[in-house]
Amino acid sequence: MKAVSNSSVLIALSSIGQLELIKQRFPSGIIIPQSVWKEVVETGRGRSGAEQVAKTSWLTIYPVVNTYLISLLKLELDEGESEAIALFLEQPNQAILLDDKDARRVAKRMSLPILGTIGILIWAKQNGLISNLKVQLDALQSIGKFRLSNLIYQEALKKVGE
């Protein structure tokens, strides 16, 4: 199955050279709404992730039909997160890829299967695709400027026995 992604996971994994982990986790591909493409590739030109995402063959842009739902979601979330959640509801997939705390809270309220950057890295470690989760988490924080609480950091390492 596929997954629907917001921009944060694409940008974060690109920043540490691990964008392909998404493709390995979801071999059927990833779908994104137009606003996520625009945020990462067009508005984000020259920033981390823009060039890598633009070159991927396994990303497909889907239009979101339910503009009313997007409007409601935008009361709490940004455009990309709102469109990603609406797209997931229109095109149910295996997971929705979100990192933002508010977006995850809204998706959880809607009982959507959520996976984030840290979850993908944990999966990659458990499946032998990366050798050291701590190195990846440290790179994510230093290179990718990814905000990660010490609690989540420690729980992730504990999950994989590091």
C-alpha atoms as a PDB file:
ATOM      1  CA  MET A   1       0.000   0.000   0.000  1.00  0.00           C
ATOM      2  CA  LYS A   2       0.864   3.641  -0.281  1.00  0.00           C
ATOM      3  CA  ALA A   3       0.994   6.441   2.255  1.00  0.00           C
ATOM      4  CA  VAL A   4      -0.016  10.092   2.181  1.00  0.00           C
ATOM      5  CA  SER A   5       2.733  12.483   3.245  1.00  0.00           C
ATOM      6  CA  ASN A   6       2.988  15.986   4.571  1.00  0.00           C
ATOM      7  CA  SER A   7       6.127  18.004   3.863  1.00  0.00           C
ATOM      8  CA  SER A   8       7.940  17.612   7.205  1.00  0.00           C
ATOM      9  CA  VAL A   9       8.793  13.922   6.808  1.00  0.00           C
ATOM     10  CA  LEU A  10      10.041  14.477   3.250  1.00  0.00           C
ATOM     11  CA  ILE A  11      12.198  17.431   4.288  1.00  0.00           C
ATOM     12  CA  ALA A  12      13.540  15.805   7.465  1.00  0.00           C
ATOM     13  CA  LEU A  13      14.610  12.552   5.832  1.00  0.00           C
ATOM     14  CA  SER A  14      16.068  14.414   2.844  1.00  0.00           C
ATOM     15  CA  SER A  15      18.165  16.551   5.161  1.00  0.00           C
ATOM     16  CA  ILE A  16      20.015  13.465   6.443  1.00  0.00           C
ATOM     17  CA  GLY A  17      20.192  11.638   3.117  1.00  0.00           C
ATOM     18  CA  GLN A  18      17.524   9.094   4.045  1.00  0.00           C
ATOM     19  CA  LEU A  19      14.599  10.026   1.776  1.00  0.00           C
ATOM     20  CA  GLU A  20      14.702   6.574   0.138  1.00  0.00           C
ATOM     21  CA  LEU A  21      13.638   4.983   3.442  1.00  0.00           C
ATOM     22  CA  ILE A  22      10.110   6.205   2.700  1.00  0.00           C
ATOM     23  CA  LYS A  23      10.134   4.319  -0.596  1.00  0.00           C
ATOM     24  CA  GLN A  24      11.466   1.220   1.135  1.00  0.00           C
ATOM     25  CA  ARG A  25       8.771   1.442   3.814  1.00  0.00           C
ATOM     26  CA  PHE A  26       6.018   2.090   1.255  1.00  0.00           C
ATOM     27  CA  PRO A  27       7.141   0.368  -1.965  1.00  0.00           C
ATOM     28  CA  SER A  28       3.887   1.209  -3.764  1.00  0.00           C
ATOM     29  CA  GLY A  29       4.755   4.888  -3.422  1.00  0.00           C
ATOM     30  CA  ILE A  30       3.673   8.039  -1.669  1.00  0.00           C
ATOM     31  CA  ILE A  31       0.887  10.425  -2.571  1.00  0.00           C
ATOM     32  CA  ILE A  32       0.980  14.095  -1.669  1.00  0.00           C
ATOM     33  CA  PRO A  33      -1.410  16.997  -2.145  1.00  0.00           C
ATOM     34  CA  GLN A  34      -0.444  19.914  -4.392  1.00  0.00           C
ATOM     35  CA  SER A  35       0.251  22.181  -1.389  1.00  0.00           C
ATOM     36  CA  VAL A  36       2.924  19.789  -0.088  1.00  0.00           C
ATOM     37  CA  TRP A  37       4.651  19.720  -3.495  1.00  0.00           C
ATOM     38  CA  LYS A  38       4.503  23.502  -3.615  1.00  0.00           C
ATOM     39  CA  GLU A  39       5.874  23.889  -0.072  1.00  0.00           C
ATOM     40  CA  VAL A  40       8.759  21.443  -0.522  1.00  0.00           C
ATOM     41  CA  VAL A  41       9.742  21.867  -4.170  1.00  0.00           C
ATOM     42  CA  GLU A  42       8.551  25.267  -5.384  1.00  0.00           C
ATOM     43  CA  THR A  43       8.596  27.538  -2.314  1.00  0.00           C
ATOM     44  CA  GLY A  44      11.406  25.483  -0.801  1.00  0.00           C
ATOM     45  CA  ARG A  45      13.694  25.740  -3.831  1.00  0.00           C
ATOM     46  CA  GLY A  46      17.301  25.672  -2.654  1.00  0.00           C
ATOM     47  CA  ARG A  47      16.363  24.296   0.764  1.00  0.00           C
ATOM     48  CA  SER A  48      16.800  20.795   2.128  1.00  0.00           C
ATOM     49  CA  GLY A  49      14.583  18.288   0.387  1.00  0.00           C
ATOM     50  CA  ALA A  50      13.523  20.397  -2.592  1.00  0.00           C
ATOM     51  CA  GLU A  51      15.830  18.879  -5.182  1.00  0.00           C
ATOM     52  CA  GLN A  52      15.611  15.335  -3.786  1.00  0.00           C
ATOM     53  CA  VAL A  53      11.812  15.366  -3.683  1.00  0.00           C
ATOM     54  CA  ALA A  54      11.565  16.906  -7.168  1.00  0.00           C
ATOM     55  CA  LYS A  55      13.643  14.024  -8.574  1.00  0.00           C
ATOM     56  CA  THR A  56      11.719  11.148  -6.980  1.00  0.00           C
ATOM     57  CA  SER A  57       9.741   8.885  -9.239  1.00  0.00           C
ATOM     58  CA  TRP A  58       7.668   7.344  -6.461  1.00  0.00           C
ATOM     59  CA  LEU A  59       5.814  10.502  -5.387  1.00  0.00           C
ATOM     60  CA  THR A  60       2.462  11.219  -6.990  1.00  0.00           C
ATOM     61  CA  ILE A  61       0.580  14.497  -6.617  1.00  0.00           C
ATOM     62  CA  TYR A  62      -3.141  14.039  -6.088  1.00  0.00           C
ATOM     63  CA  PRO A  63      -5.767  16.786  -6.118  1.00  0.00           C
ATOM     64  CA  VAL A  64      -7.856  17.155  -2.978  1.00  0.00           C
ATOM     65  CA  VAL A  65     -11.560  17.427  -3.723  1.00  0.00           C
ATOM     66  CA  ASN A  66     -13.071  18.233  -0.322  1.00  0.00           C
ATOM     67  CA  THR A  67     -12.239  21.932  -0.030  1.00  0.00           C
ATOM     68  CA  TYR A  68     -14.784  22.335   2.764  1.00  0.00           C
ATOM     69  CA  LEU A  69     -12.876  19.875   4.960  1.00  0.00           C
ATOM     70  CA  ILE A  70      -9.610  21.650   4.128  1.00  0.00           C
ATOM     71  CA  SER A  71     -11.154  24.946   5.259  1.00  0.00           C
ATOM     72  CA  LEU A  72     -12.219  23.399   8.559  1.00  0.00           C
ATOM     73  CA  LEU A  73      -8.836  21.784   9.156  1.00  0.00           C
ATOM     74  CA  LYS A  74      -7.050  25.058   8.373  1.00  0.00           C
ATOM     75  CA  LEU A  75      -8.661  26.535  11.491  1.00  0.00           C
ATOM     76  CA  GLU A  76      -6.104  24.442  13.441  1.00  0.00           C
ATOM     77  CA  LEU A  77      -3.444  23.408  10.936  1.00  0.00           C
ATOM     78  CA  ASP A  78      -1.427  24.777   8.038  1.00  0.00           C
ATOM     79  CA  GLU A  79      -2.424  24.199   4.421  1.00  0.00           C
ATOM     80  CA  GLY A  80      -0.139  21.216   3.769  1.00  0.00           C
ATOM     81  CA  GLU A  81      -1.236  19.345   6.871  1.00  0.00           C
ATOM     82  CA  SER A  82      -4.895  20.123   6.166  1.00  0.00           C
ATOM     83  CA  GLU A  83      -4.659  18.909   2.577  1.00  0.00           C
ATOM     84  CA  ALA A  84      -2.699  15.796   3.572  1.00  0.00           C
ATOM     85  CA  ILE A  85      -5.369  14.777   6.100  1.00  0.00           C
ATOM     86  CA  ALA A  86      -8.184  15.516   3.635  1.00  0.00           C
ATOM     87  CA  LEU A  87      -6.363  13.545   0.916  1.00  0.00           C
ATOM     88  CA  PHE A  88      -5.916  10.584   3.256  1.00  0.00           C
ATOM     89  CA  LEU A  89      -9.668  10.572   3.911  1.00  0.00           C
ATOM     90  CA  GLU A  90     -10.358  10.680   0.159  1.00  0.00           C
ATOM     91  CA  GLN A  91      -7.676   8.126  -0.759  1.00  0.00           C
ATOM     92  CA  PRO A  92      -7.336   5.792   2.251  1.00  0.00           C
ATOM     93  CA  ASN A  93      -3.846   4.337   2.446  1.00  0.00           C
ATOM     94  CA  GLN A  94      -1.642   2.476   4.875  1.00  0.00           C
ATOM     95  CA  ALA A  95      -0.565   5.570   6.824  1.00  0.00           C
ATOM     96  CA  ILE A  96      -0.420   9.336   6.921  1.00  0.00           C
ATOM     97  CA  LEU A  97       3.081  10.746   7.401  1.00  0.00           C
ATOM     98  CA  LEU A  98       3.011  13.651   9.857  1.00  0.00           C
ATOM     99  CA  ASP A  99       5.451  15.113  12.384  1.00  0.00           C
ATOM    100  CA  ASP A 100       3.746  18.278  13.630  1.00  0.00           C
ATOM    101  CA  LYS A 101       2.233  17.806  17.084  1.00  0.00           C
ATOM    102  CA  ASP A 102      -1.034  19.600  16.278  1.00  0.00           C
ATOM    103  CA  ALA A 103      -1.455  17.700  12.993  1.00  0.00           C
ATOM    104  CA  ARG A 104      -0.823  14.396  14.752  1.00  0.00           C
ATOM    105  CA  ARG A 105      -3.373  15.327  17.447  1.00  0.00           C
ATOM    106  CA  VAL A 106      -6.040  16.092  14.826  1.00  0.00           C
ATOM    107  CA  ALA A 107      -5.253  12.915  12.857  1.00  0.00           C
ATOM    108  CA  LYS A 108      -5.344  10.865  16.038  1.00  0.00           C
ATOM    109  CA  ARG A 109      -8.774  12.336  16.881  1.00  0.00           C
ATOM    110  CA  MET A 110      -9.885  11.110  13.461  1.00  0.00           C
ATOM    111  CA  SER A 111      -8.383   7.644  14.164  1.00  0.00           C
ATOM    112  CA  LEU A 112      -5.940   7.880  11.250  1.00  0.00           C
ATOM    113  CA  PRO A 113      -2.856   5.614  11.185  1.00  0.00           C
ATOM    114  CA  ILE A 114      -0.006   8.082  11.784  1.00  0.00           C
ATOM    115  CA  LEU A 115       3.687   7.576  11.139  1.00  0.00           C
ATOM    116  CA  GLY A 116       6.387  10.221  11.439  1.00  0.00           C
ATOM    117  CA  THR A 117      10.052  10.682  10.701  1.00  0.00           C
ATOM    118  CA  ILE A 118      11.147   8.983  13.937  1.00  0.00           C
ATOM    119  CA  GLY A 119       8.817   6.044  13.284  1.00  0.00           C
ATOM    120  CA  ILE A 120      10.309   5.536   9.837  1.00  0.00           C
ATOM    121  CA  LEU A 121      13.840   5.628  11.276  1.00  0.00           C
ATOM    122  CA  ILE A 122      12.856   3.101  13.983  1.00  0.00           C
ATOM    123  CA  TRP A 123      11.377   0.840  11.294  1.00  0.00           C
ATOM    124  CA  ALA A 124      14.561   1.215   9.213  1.00  0.00           C
ATOM    125  CA  LYS A 125      16.748   0.220  12.174  1.00  0.00           C
ATOM    126  CA  GLN A 126      14.528  -2.761  12.998  1.00  0.00           C
ATOM    127  CA  ASN A 127      14.759  -3.907   9.380  1.00  0.00           C
ATOM    128  CA  GLY A 128      18.518  -3.492   9.037  1.00  0.00           C
ATOM    129  CA  LEU A 129      18.354  -0.525   6.659  1.00  0.00           C
ATOM    130  CA  ILE A 130      20.315   1.745   9.008  1.00  0.00           C
ATOM    131  CA  SER A 131      22.931   0.495  11.425  1.00  0.00           C
ATOM    132  CA  ASN A 132      22.646   3.099  14.169  1.00  0.00           C
ATOM    133  CA  LEU A 133      19.506   5.029  15.111  1.00  0.00           C
ATOM    134  CA  LYS A 134      21.351   7.394  17.465  1.00  0.00           C
ATOM    135  CA  VAL A 135      23.570   8.625  14.625  1.00  0.00           C
ATOM    136  CA  GLN A 136      20.493   9.308  12.484  1.00  0.00           C
ATOM    137  CA  LEU A 137      18.629  11.090  15.303  1.00  0.00           C
ATOM    138  CA  ASP A 138      21.669  13.234  16.081  1.00  0.00           C
ATOM    139  CA  ALA A 139      22.027  14.133  12.388  1.00  0.00           C
ATOM    140  CA  LEU A 140      18.330  14.927  12.208  1.00  0.00           C
ATOM    141  CA  GLN A 141      18.720  17.397  15.075  1.00  0.00           C
ATOM    142  CA  SER A 142      22.021  18.967  14.021  1.00  0.00           C
ATOM    143  CA  ILE A 143      21.805  18.945  10.216  1.00  0.00           C
ATOM    144  CA  GLY A 144      18.039  18.898   9.737  1.00  0.00           C
ATOM    145  CA  LYS A 145      17.282  21.267  12.645  1.00  0.00           C
ATOM    146  CA  PHE A 146      14.579  18.772  13.632  1.00  0.00           C
ATOM    147  CA  ARG A 147      12.986  19.497  17.009  1.00  0.00           C
ATOM    148  CA  LEU A 148      12.895  16.366  19.102  1.00  0.00           C
ATOM    149  CA  SER A 149      12.179  16.137  22.813  1.00  0.00           C
ATOM    150  CA  ASN A 150      14.637  14.242  24.970  1.00  0.00           C
ATOM    151  CA  LEU A 151      11.798  11.890  25.986  1.00  0.00           C
ATOM    152  CA  ILE A 152      11.018  10.898  22.376  1.00  0.00           C
ATOM    153  CA  TYR A 153      14.753  10.622  21.638  1.00  0.00           C
ATOM    154  CA  GLN A 154      15.280   8.222  24.553  1.00  0.00           C
ATOM    155  CA  GLU A 155      12.103   6.212  23.821  1.00  0.00           C
ATOM    156  CA  ALA A 156      13.161   5.740  20.189  1.00  0.00           C
ATOM    157  CA  LEU A 157      16.595   4.469  21.201  1.00  0.00           C
ATOM    158  CA  LYS A 158      15.061   2.168  23.810  1.00  0.00           C
ATOM    159  CA  LYS A 159      12.681   0.716  21.198  1.00  0.00           C
ATOM    160  CA  VAL A 160      15.619  -0.480  19.101  1.00  0.00           C
ATOM    161  CA  GLY A 161      17.891  -1.471  21.982  1.00  0.00           C
ATOM    162  CA  GLU A 162      20.399   1.370  21.684  1.00  0.00           C
END
